[in-house]
Amino acid sequence: MTVIEAMACQCPVVASWVGGFQEIIEDGKNGFLFEVNNTKDAVTKIETLIDDNSERARFIQNGWSTVSEVYSSERIVNKYLEILRGLAGQLPIQ
């Protein structure tokens, strides 16, 4: 959720290739990903976003698009309802 929240707050994102980050971040499009424990790469990517206003603005815009298109509250609620309906269909009838 932290990556989605950051994108929703229009913050550029830099994260490591762990957990579900790579499912949300498209490296070089809406954020940067770096290998775990590769501090040099992480610093380079953070410095890029600090120094390059247009790249930072592009990441912010693309991140916002990702959140609004893929992770909108309407889509998330509908996904939860779909899951709950599926689970309810599996319950034994009493």
N, C-alpha and C. Protein backbone atom coordinates (compact mmCIF):
# COMPACT_ATOMS: atom_id res chain seq x y z
N MET A 1 0.81 -1.20 0.00
CA MET A 1 0.00 0.00 0.00
C MET A 1 0.86 1.27 0.00
N THR A 2 2.06 1.21 0.54
CA THR A 2 2.86 2.43 0.65
C THR A 2 3.17 3.04 -0.71
N VAL A 3 3.44 2.20 -1.69
CA VAL A 3 3.74 2.71 -3.03
C VAL A 3 2.51 3.36 -3.64
N ILE A 4 1.36 2.72 -3.49
CA ILE A 4 0.12 3.28 -4.03
C ILE A 4 -0.21 4.59 -3.33
N GLU A 5 -0.03 4.63 -2.01
CA GLU A 5 -0.29 5.86 -1.26
C GLU A 5 0.65 6.98 -1.70
N ALA A 6 1.92 6.65 -1.91
CA ALA A 6 2.87 7.67 -2.36
C ALA A 6 2.48 8.21 -3.73
N MET A 7 2.11 7.32 -4.64
CA MET A 7 1.68 7.76 -5.96
C MET A 7 0.42 8.62 -5.87
N ALA A 8 -0.51 8.24 -4.99
CA ALA A 8 -1.74 9.01 -4.82
C ALA A 8 -1.45 10.40 -4.26
N CYS A 9 -0.39 10.52 -3.48
CA CYS A 9 0.03 11.82 -2.94
C CYS A 9 0.95 12.56 -3.90
N GLN A 10 1.09 12.02 -5.09
CA GLN A 10 1.90 12.60 -6.16
C GLN A 10 3.37 12.77 -5.75
N CYS A 11 3.90 11.68 -5.18
CA CYS A 11 5.32 11.62 -4.85
C CYS A 11 5.99 10.62 -5.79
N PRO A 12 7.16 10.95 -6.32
CA PRO A 12 7.87 9.97 -7.13
C PRO A 12 8.34 8.82 -6.24
N VAL A 13 8.40 7.62 -6.81
CA VAL A 13 8.67 6.42 -6.02
C VAL A 13 9.96 5.75 -6.46
N VAL A 14 10.77 5.39 -5.46
CA VAL A 14 11.96 4.57 -5.67
C VAL A 14 11.87 3.45 -4.65
N ALA A 15 11.90 2.21 -5.11
CA ALA A 15 11.75 1.06 -4.21
C ALA A 15 12.59 -0.10 -4.70
N SER A 16 12.83 -1.04 -3.81
CA SER A 16 13.61 -2.22 -4.19
C SER A 16 12.69 -3.29 -4.78
N TRP A 17 13.32 -4.24 -5.44
CA TRP A 17 12.62 -5.36 -6.07
C TRP A 17 12.22 -6.38 -5.02
N VAL A 18 11.34 -6.01 -4.12
CA VAL A 18 10.85 -6.95 -3.11
C VAL A 18 9.34 -6.87 -3.02
N GLY A 19 8.76 -7.91 -2.44
CA GLY A 19 7.32 -7.91 -2.23
C GLY A 19 6.56 -7.65 -3.51
N GLY A 20 5.52 -6.87 -3.40
CA GLY A 20 4.68 -6.59 -4.55
C GLY A 20 5.02 -5.31 -5.27
N PHE A 21 6.13 -4.66 -4.90
CA PHE A 21 6.47 -3.39 -5.53
C PHE A 21 6.57 -3.50 -7.05
N GLN A 22 7.20 -4.59 -7.52
CA GLN A 22 7.38 -4.73 -8.97
C GLN A 22 6.07 -4.97 -9.70
N GLU A 23 5.01 -5.31 -8.96
CA GLU A 23 3.69 -5.45 -9.60
C GLU A 23 3.02 -4.10 -9.80
N ILE A 24 3.45 -3.10 -9.07
CA ILE A 24 2.86 -1.76 -9.14
C ILE A 24 3.75 -0.81 -9.94
N ILE A 25 5.04 -0.87 -9.67
CA ILE A 25 5.99 0.04 -10.31
C ILE A 25 6.46 -0.53 -11.63
N GLU A 26 6.32 0.26 -12.68
CA GLU A 26 6.91 -0.06 -13.98
C GLU A 26 8.23 0.71 -14.03
N ASP A 27 9.32 0.00 -13.85
CA ASP A 27 10.63 0.63 -13.72
C ASP A 27 10.92 1.58 -14.87
N GLY A 28 11.19 2.83 -14.51
CA GLY A 28 11.50 3.85 -15.51
C GLY A 28 10.28 4.54 -16.07
N LYS A 29 9.08 4.08 -15.70
CA LYS A 29 7.85 4.72 -16.19
C LYS A 29 7.12 5.47 -15.08
N ASN A 30 6.77 4.76 -14.02
CA ASN A 30 6.06 5.42 -12.92
C ASN A 30 6.85 5.35 -11.61
N GLY A 31 8.08 4.93 -11.71
CA GLY A 31 8.96 4.84 -10.55
C GLY A 31 10.25 4.14 -10.93
N PHE A 32 11.14 4.06 -9.96
CA PHE A 32 12.39 3.34 -10.16
C PHE A 32 12.44 2.15 -9.21
N LEU A 33 12.97 1.05 -9.70
CA LEU A 33 13.23 -0.13 -8.87
C LEU A 33 14.74 -0.38 -8.85
N PHE A 34 15.22 -0.84 -7.71
CA PHE A 34 16.64 -1.19 -7.59
C PHE A 34 16.76 -2.52 -6.88
N GLU A 35 17.86 -3.21 -7.12
CA GLU A 35 18.11 -4.51 -6.49
C GLU A 35 18.31 -4.31 -4.98
N VAL A 36 17.81 -5.26 -4.22
CA VAL A 36 17.97 -5.23 -2.77
C VAL A 36 19.45 -5.12 -2.42
N ASN A 37 19.77 -4.29 -1.47
CA ASN A 37 21.14 -4.06 -0.98
C ASN A 37 22.05 -3.35 -1.97
N ASN A 38 21.51 -2.87 -3.08
CA ASN A 38 22.33 -2.11 -4.03
C ASN A 38 22.14 -0.62 -3.73
N THR A 39 22.80 -0.18 -2.67
CA THR A 39 22.66 1.19 -2.20
C THR A 39 23.10 2.20 -3.26
N LYS A 40 24.14 1.89 -3.97
CA LYS A 40 24.65 2.81 -5.00
C LYS A 40 23.58 3.08 -6.06
N ASP A 41 22.90 2.03 -6.52
CA ASP A 41 21.85 2.19 -7.52
C ASP A 41 20.68 2.99 -6.96
N ALA A 42 20.31 2.71 -5.72
CA ALA A 42 19.21 3.44 -5.08
C ALA A 42 19.53 4.93 -5.00
N VAL A 43 20.74 5.25 -4.57
CA VAL A 43 21.16 6.65 -4.45
C VAL A 43 21.16 7.32 -5.82
N THR A 44 21.68 6.64 -6.83
CA THR A 44 21.71 7.20 -8.18
C THR A 44 20.30 7.54 -8.67
N LYS A 45 19.36 6.64 -8.43
CA LYS A 45 18.00 6.86 -8.88
C LYS A 45 17.31 7.98 -8.10
N ILE A 46 17.57 8.05 -6.81
CA ILE A 46 17.02 9.15 -6.01
C ILE A 46 17.60 10.48 -6.48
N GLU A 47 18.90 10.51 -6.72
CA GLU A 47 19.54 11.74 -7.20
C GLU A 47 19.00 12.16 -8.55
N THR A 48 18.70 11.19 -9.41
CA THR A 48 18.11 11.50 -10.71
C THR A 48 16.80 12.25 -10.53
N LEU A 49 15.97 11.78 -9.62
CA LEU A 49 14.67 12.42 -9.41
C LEU A 49 14.81 13.78 -8.72
N ILE A 50 15.83 13.95 -7.92
CA ILE A 50 16.07 15.25 -7.30
C ILE A 50 16.55 16.26 -8.34
N ASP A 51 17.44 15.82 -9.23
CA ASP A 51 18.08 16.72 -10.18
C ASP A 51 17.29 16.96 -11.46
N ASP A 52 16.46 16.03 -11.85
CA ASP A 52 15.78 16.12 -13.15
C ASP A 52 14.28 16.40 -12.96
N ASN A 53 13.93 17.68 -13.07
CA ASN A 53 12.55 18.10 -12.84
C ASN A 53 11.57 17.44 -13.80
N SER A 54 11.95 17.28 -15.06
CA SER A 54 11.02 16.69 -16.03
C SER A 54 10.81 15.20 -15.77
N GLU A 55 11.87 14.50 -15.39
CA GLU A 55 11.73 13.07 -15.06
C GLU A 55 10.86 12.91 -13.82
N ARG A 56 11.09 13.73 -12.82
CA ARG A 56 10.29 13.68 -11.61
C ARG A 56 8.82 13.96 -11.92
N ALA A 57 8.55 14.97 -12.73
CA ALA A 57 7.17 15.31 -13.10
C ALA A 57 6.52 14.17 -13.89
N ARG A 58 7.30 13.53 -14.76
CA ARG A 58 6.78 12.40 -15.54
C ARG A 58 6.41 11.23 -14.63
N PHE A 59 7.27 10.92 -13.67
CA PHE A 59 6.99 9.84 -12.72
C PHE A 59 5.75 10.16 -11.89
N ILE A 60 5.63 11.41 -11.46
CA ILE A 60 4.46 11.82 -10.67
C ILE A 60 3.19 11.65 -11.50
N GLN A 61 3.21 12.11 -12.73
CA GLN A 61 2.03 11.99 -13.60
C GLN A 61 1.70 10.52 -13.89
N ASN A 62 2.70 9.75 -14.22
CA ASN A 62 2.47 8.33 -14.52
C ASN A 62 2.03 7.56 -13.27
N GLY A 63 2.56 7.92 -12.12
CA GLY A 63 2.14 7.29 -10.87
C GLY A 63 0.69 7.60 -10.57
N TRP A 64 0.31 8.86 -10.75
CA TRP A 64 -1.09 9.25 -10.53
C TRP A 64 -2.01 8.50 -11.49
N SER A 65 -1.59 8.36 -12.73
CA SER A 65 -2.39 7.61 -13.71
C SER A 65 -2.55 6.16 -13.28
N THR A 66 -1.47 5.54 -12.79
CA THR A 66 -1.54 4.16 -12.31
C THR A 66 -2.56 4.04 -11.19
N VAL A 67 -2.50 4.94 -10.23
CA VAL A 67 -3.42 4.88 -9.09
C VAL A 67 -4.86 5.08 -9.54
N SER A 68 -5.09 6.09 -10.35
CA SER A 68 -6.47 6.41 -10.74
C SER A 68 -7.07 5.37 -11.68
N GLU A 69 -6.25 4.73 -12.49
CA GLU A 69 -6.77 3.74 -13.44
C GLU A 69 -6.83 2.33 -12.85
N VAL A 70 -5.82 1.94 -12.11
CA VAL A 70 -5.72 0.56 -11.65
C VAL A 70 -6.19 0.40 -10.20
N TYR A 71 -5.94 1.39 -9.36
CA TYR A 71 -6.21 1.25 -7.94
C TYR A 71 -7.24 2.25 -7.42
N SER A 72 -8.20 2.62 -8.27
CA SER A 72 -9.25 3.53 -7.81
C SER A 72 -10.08 2.84 -6.74
N SER A 73 -10.68 3.62 -5.86
CA SER A 73 -11.48 3.02 -4.79
C SER A 73 -12.63 2.19 -5.35
N GLU A 74 -13.21 2.63 -6.45
CA GLU A 74 -14.31 1.87 -7.07
C GLU A 74 -13.84 0.49 -7.53
N ARG A 75 -12.69 0.43 -8.17
CA ARG A 75 -12.16 -0.85 -8.64
C ARG A 75 -11.79 -1.76 -7.47
N ILE A 76 -11.22 -1.18 -6.43
CA ILE A 76 -10.82 -1.98 -5.26
C ILE A 76 -12.05 -2.54 -4.56
N VAL A 77 -13.08 -1.70 -4.36
CA VAL A 77 -14.32 -2.16 -3.72
C VAL A 77 -14.95 -3.27 -4.54
N ASN A 78 -15.01 -3.09 -5.85
CA ASN A 78 -15.59 -4.13 -6.71
C ASN A 78 -14.79 -5.43 -6.64
N LYS A 79 -13.48 -5.34 -6.53
CA LYS A 79 -12.64 -6.53 -6.42
C LYS A 79 -12.91 -7.25 -5.10
N TYR A 80 -13.03 -6.49 -4.01
CA TYR A 80 -13.37 -7.09 -2.72
C TYR A 80 -14.74 -7.76 -2.78
N LEU A 81 -15.71 -7.10 -3.38
CA LEU A 81 -17.04 -7.69 -3.50
C LEU A 81 -17.01 -8.99 -4.30
N GLU A 82 -16.23 -9.00 -5.37
CA GLU A 82 -16.08 -10.20 -6.18
C GLU A 82 -15.49 -11.35 -5.35
N ILE A 83 -14.48 -11.04 -4.56
CA ILE A 83 -13.86 -12.06 -3.70
C ILE A 83 -14.85 -12.55 -2.66
N LEU A 84 -15.55 -11.62 -2.01
CA LEU A 84 -16.51 -12.01 -0.98
C LEU A 84 -17.66 -12.82 -1.55
N ARG A 85 -18.14 -12.46 -2.72
CA ARG A 85 -19.21 -13.24 -3.36
C ARG A 85 -18.73 -14.65 -3.70
N GLY A 86 -17.49 -14.75 -4.14
CA GLY A 86 -16.92 -16.06 -4.43
C GLY A 86 -16.81 -16.90 -3.17
N LEU A 87 -16.39 -16.28 -2.08
CA LEU A 87 -16.29 -17.01 -0.82
C LEU A 87 -17.67 -17.40 -0.31
N ALA A 88 -18.65 -16.50 -0.45
CA ALA A 88 -20.01 -16.81 0.00
C ALA A 88 -20.59 -17.97 -0.79
N GLY A 89 -20.23 -18.08 -2.04
CA GLY A 89 -20.71 -19.19 -2.87
C GLY A 89 -20.12 -20.53 -2.44
N GLN A 90 -19.04 -20.50 -1.69
CA GLN A 90 -18.39 -21.72 -1.24
C GLN A 90 -18.86 -22.18 0.14
N LEU A 91 -19.67 -21.34 0.80
CA LEU A 91 -20.13 -21.68 2.15
C LEU A 91 -21.22 -22.74 2.09
N PRO A 92 -21.23 -23.67 3.03
CA PRO A 92 -22.31 -24.68 3.04
C PRO A 92 -23.64 -24.03 3.37
N ILE A 93 -24.68 -24.50 2.76
CA ILE A 93 -26.03 -23.98 3.01
C ILE A 93 -26.55 -24.62 4.28
N GLN A 94 -27.11 -23.80 5.18
CA GLN A 94 -27.61 -24.33 6.45
C GLN A 94 -29.13 -24.24 6.49
